[in-house]
Amino acid sequence: MRVHILLRFALVLAIGFTAFMALNPNPPHLPLDRRGDQFTHMGAFAVLGGIARFAFPKAGNWIILERLSFFGALIEVFQAIPALRRTCDWSDWLADTTSLALSLAILHLVRQSWTKRKAAPAHR
């Protein structure tokens, strides 16, 4: 139970960091920025999805996808505020949601494989 509390705290920190980086008028440049803005979005939301999956093990993947995708959409809406000197781009939200869905799907497959492996009788 304590692990879930720590993971939920980590998720709050990761969401805060993501929001700060997305809404900061002068964000620091990250190594992924050289490959394009979408790679930074994809990395951030893949990590958010992974943390959320472990922080809320009983939540369905669709719920996690919906909530974090909505967070990505809100970022894009706020980036349309002229004072932030950022740009609102639906393709950034699409990158967020796509990488989020992929990370959740991969974790789902790993979890299924793990469960089958644990349930299989040991061969001697």
C-alpha atoms as a PDB file:
ATOM      1  CA  MET A   1       0.000   0.000   0.000  1.00  0.00           C
ATOM      2  CA  ARG A   2       2.813   2.416   0.791  1.00  0.00           C
ATOM      3  CA  VAL A   3       4.312   1.857  -2.637  1.00  0.00           C
ATOM      4  CA  HIS A   4       1.091   3.105  -4.240  1.00  0.00           C
ATOM      5  CA  ILE A   5       1.183   6.235  -2.082  1.00  0.00           C
ATOM      6  CA  LEU A   6       4.779   6.927  -3.138  1.00  0.00           C
ATOM      7  CA  LEU A   7       3.918   6.299  -6.774  1.00  0.00           C
ATOM      8  CA  ARG A   8       0.934   8.642  -6.553  1.00  0.00           C
ATOM      9  CA  PHE A   9       3.206  11.313  -5.100  1.00  0.00           C
ATOM     10  CA  ALA A  10       5.667  10.657  -7.941  1.00  0.00           C
ATOM     11  CA  LEU A  11       2.797  11.018 -10.425  1.00  0.00           C
ATOM     12  CA  VAL A  12       1.790  14.379  -8.935  1.00  0.00           C
ATOM     13  CA  LEU A  13       5.412  15.548  -9.201  1.00  0.00           C
ATOM     14  CA  ALA A  14       5.672  14.289 -12.798  1.00  0.00           C
ATOM     15  CA  ILE A  15       2.411  16.019 -13.756  1.00  0.00           C
ATOM     16  CA  GLY A  16       3.628  19.231 -12.127  1.00  0.00           C
ATOM     17  CA  PHE A  17       6.957  19.037 -13.934  1.00  0.00           C
ATOM     18  CA  THR A  18       5.207  18.339 -17.246  1.00  0.00           C
ATOM     19  CA  ALA A  19       2.866  21.302 -16.750  1.00  0.00           C
ATOM     20  CA  PHE A  20       5.788  23.556 -15.800  1.00  0.00           C
ATOM     21  CA  MET A  21       7.784  22.561 -18.872  1.00  0.00           C
ATOM     22  CA  ALA A  22       4.759  22.936 -21.156  1.00  0.00           C
ATOM     23  CA  LEU A  23       3.610  26.308 -19.836  1.00  0.00           C
ATOM     24  CA  ASN A  24       6.929  27.972 -19.074  1.00  0.00           C
ATOM     25  CA  PRO A  25       7.515  30.815 -21.574  1.00  0.00           C
ATOM     26  CA  ASN A  26      11.258  29.991 -21.602  1.00  0.00           C
ATOM     27  CA  PRO A  27      11.579  26.257 -20.951  1.00  0.00           C
ATOM     28  CA  PRO A  28      15.039  24.747 -20.682  1.00  0.00           C
ATOM     29  CA  HIS A  29      16.059  22.723 -23.708  1.00  0.00           C
ATOM     30  CA  LEU A  30      16.175  18.960 -23.294  1.00  0.00           C
ATOM     31  CA  PRO A  31      18.207  16.459 -25.335  1.00  0.00           C
ATOM     32  CA  LEU A  32      15.011  15.152 -26.987  1.00  0.00           C
ATOM     33  CA  ASP A  33      14.252  18.658 -28.303  1.00  0.00           C
ATOM     34  CA  ARG A  34      16.839  18.127 -31.042  1.00  0.00           C
ATOM     35  CA  ARG A  35      14.636  15.401 -32.526  1.00  0.00           C
ATOM     36  CA  GLY A  36      11.503  17.554 -32.465  1.00  0.00           C
ATOM     37  CA  ASP A  37       8.835  18.738 -30.105  1.00  0.00           C
ATOM     38  CA  GLN A  38       6.702  15.614 -30.528  1.00  0.00           C
ATOM     39  CA  PHE A  39       9.467  13.384 -29.130  1.00  0.00           C
ATOM     40  CA  THR A  40       9.511  15.439 -25.928  1.00  0.00           C
ATOM     41  CA  HIS A  41       5.731  15.159 -25.673  1.00  0.00           C
ATOM     42  CA  MET A  42       5.836  11.437 -26.331  1.00  0.00           C
ATOM     43  CA  GLY A  43       8.522  10.839 -23.728  1.00  0.00           C
ATOM     44  CA  ALA A  44       6.718  12.834 -21.074  1.00  0.00           C
ATOM     45  CA  PHE A  45       3.357  11.140 -21.590  1.00  0.00           C
ATOM     46  CA  ALA A  46       4.825   7.648 -21.855  1.00  0.00           C
ATOM     47  CA  VAL A  47       6.417   8.231 -18.440  1.00  0.00           C
ATOM     48  CA  LEU A  48       3.179   9.675 -17.019  1.00  0.00           C
ATOM     49  CA  GLY A  49       1.263   6.642 -18.287  1.00  0.00           C
ATOM     50  CA  GLY A  50       3.764   4.232 -16.765  1.00  0.00           C
ATOM     51  CA  ILE A  51       3.725   5.912 -13.384  1.00  0.00           C
ATOM     52  CA  ALA A  52      -0.088   6.156 -13.415  1.00  0.00           C
ATOM     53  CA  ARG A  53      -0.437   2.486 -14.353  1.00  0.00           C
ATOM     54  CA  PHE A  54       1.578   1.419 -11.281  1.00  0.00           C
ATOM     55  CA  ALA A  55       0.184   4.114  -8.980  1.00  0.00           C
ATOM     56  CA  PHE A  56      -3.405   3.060  -9.694  1.00  0.00           C
ATOM     57  CA  PRO A  57      -3.241  -0.693 -10.353  1.00  0.00           C
ATOM     58  CA  LYS A  58      -7.014  -1.179 -10.095  1.00  0.00           C
ATOM     59  CA  ALA A  59      -7.862   1.634 -12.520  1.00  0.00           C
ATOM     60  CA  GLY A  60      -8.673   0.623 -16.062  1.00  0.00           C
ATOM     61  CA  ASN A  61      -6.365   1.601 -18.894  1.00  0.00           C
ATOM     62  CA  TRP A  62      -9.194   3.562 -20.518  1.00  0.00           C
ATOM     63  CA  ILE A  63      -9.622   5.708 -17.406  1.00  0.00           C
ATOM     64  CA  ILE A  64      -5.894   6.473 -17.227  1.00  0.00           C
ATOM     65  CA  LEU A  65      -5.824   7.189 -20.968  1.00  0.00           C
ATOM     66  CA  GLU A  66      -8.848   9.484 -20.731  1.00  0.00           C
ATOM     67  CA  ARG A  67      -7.577  11.486 -17.756  1.00  0.00           C
ATOM     68  CA  LEU A  68      -4.013  11.958 -18.954  1.00  0.00           C
ATOM     69  CA  SER A  69      -5.120  12.647 -22.525  1.00  0.00           C
ATOM     70  CA  PHE A  70      -7.410  15.349 -21.148  1.00  0.00           C
ATOM     71  CA  PHE A  71      -4.412  16.760 -19.260  1.00  0.00           C
ATOM     72  CA  GLY A  72      -2.521  16.897 -22.566  1.00  0.00           C
ATOM     73  CA  ALA A  73      -5.440  18.685 -24.209  1.00  0.00           C
ATOM     74  CA  LEU A  74      -5.564  21.220 -21.363  1.00  0.00           C
ATOM     75  CA  ILE A  75      -1.875  21.930 -21.853  1.00  0.00           C
ATOM     76  CA  GLU A  76      -2.525  22.746 -25.496  1.00  0.00           C
ATOM     77  CA  VAL A  77      -5.452  25.013 -24.590  1.00  0.00           C
ATOM     78  CA  PHE A  78      -3.319  26.901 -22.061  1.00  0.00           C
ATOM     79  CA  GLN A  79      -0.472  27.180 -24.577  1.00  0.00           C
ATOM     80  CA  ALA A  80      -2.837  29.264 -26.700  1.00  0.00           C
ATOM     81  CA  ILE A  81      -2.586  32.058 -24.101  1.00  0.00           C
ATOM     82  CA  PRO A  82      -0.526  34.775 -25.850  1.00  0.00           C
ATOM     83  CA  ALA A  83       1.345  35.800 -22.676  1.00  0.00           C
ATOM     84  CA  LEU A  84       2.947  32.349 -22.476  1.00  0.00           C
ATOM     85  CA  ARG A  85       4.526  32.773 -25.915  1.00  0.00           C
ATOM     86  CA  ARG A  86       3.852  29.117 -26.671  1.00  0.00           C
ATOM     87  CA  THR A  87       1.936  27.539 -29.525  1.00  0.00           C
ATOM     88  CA  CYS A  88      -1.173  25.409 -29.343  1.00  0.00           C
ATOM     89  CA  ASP A  89      -0.838  22.446 -31.690  1.00  0.00           C
ATOM     90  CA  TRP A  90      -3.304  19.562 -31.921  1.00  0.00           C
ATOM     91  CA  SER A  91      -0.513  17.299 -33.213  1.00  0.00           C
ATOM     92  CA  ASP A  92       1.247  17.704 -29.839  1.00  0.00           C
ATOM     93  CA  TRP A  93      -1.901  16.429 -28.125  1.00  0.00           C
ATOM     94  CA  LEU A  94      -2.053  13.572 -30.632  1.00  0.00           C
ATOM     95  CA  ALA A  95       1.570  12.691 -29.800  1.00  0.00           C
ATOM     96  CA  ASP A  96       0.730  12.800 -26.075  1.00  0.00           C
ATOM     97  CA  THR A  97      -2.257  10.508 -26.448  1.00  0.00           C
ATOM     98  CA  THR A  98      -0.565   8.104 -28.856  1.00  0.00           C
ATOM     99  CA  SER A  99       2.484   7.555 -26.664  1.00  0.00           C
ATOM    100  CA  LEU A 100       0.271   7.272 -23.615  1.00  0.00           C
ATOM    101  CA  ALA A 101      -1.843   4.590 -25.314  1.00  0.00           C
ATOM    102  CA  LEU A 102       1.271   2.721 -26.456  1.00  0.00           C
ATOM    103  CA  SER A 103       2.858   2.754 -23.012  1.00  0.00           C
ATOM    104  CA  LEU A 104      -0.368   1.501 -21.418  1.00  0.00           C
ATOM    105  CA  ALA A 105      -0.733  -1.224 -24.065  1.00  0.00           C
ATOM    106  CA  ILE A 106       2.852  -2.405 -23.544  1.00  0.00           C
ATOM    107  CA  LEU A 107       2.416  -2.463 -19.779  1.00  0.00           C
ATOM    108  CA  HIS A 108      -0.860  -4.382 -20.215  1.00  0.00           C
ATOM    109  CA  LEU A 109       0.896  -7.029 -22.326  1.00  0.00           C
ATOM    110  CA  VAL A 110       3.751  -7.291 -19.835  1.00  0.00           C
ATOM    111  CA  ARG A 111       1.267  -7.638 -16.980  1.00  0.00           C
ATOM    112  CA  GLN A 112      -0.639 -10.387 -18.839  1.00  0.00           C
ATOM    113  CA  SER A 113       2.580 -12.251 -19.567  1.00  0.00           C
ATOM    114  CA  TRP A 114       3.659 -11.916 -15.952  1.00  0.00           C
ATOM    115  CA  THR A 115       0.293 -13.171 -14.687  1.00  0.00           C
ATOM    116  CA  LYS A 116       0.348 -16.181 -17.032  1.00  0.00           C
ATOM    117  CA  ARG A 117       3.894 -16.999 -16.003  1.00  0.00           C
ATOM    118  CA  LYS A 118       2.991 -16.878 -12.302  1.00  0.00           C
ATOM    119  CA  ALA A 119      -0.135 -18.991 -12.866  1.00  0.00           C
ATOM    120  CA  ALA A 120       1.602 -21.676 -14.928  1.00  0.00           C
ATOM    121  CA  PRO A 121       2.529 -24.811 -12.983  1.00  0.00           C
ATOM    122  CA  ALA A 122       6.236 -25.305 -12.424  1.00  0.00           C
ATOM    123  CA  HIS A 123       7.760 -28.119 -14.499  1.00  0.00           C
ATOM    124  CA  ARG A 124      10.213 -30.394 -12.755  1.00  0.00           C
END
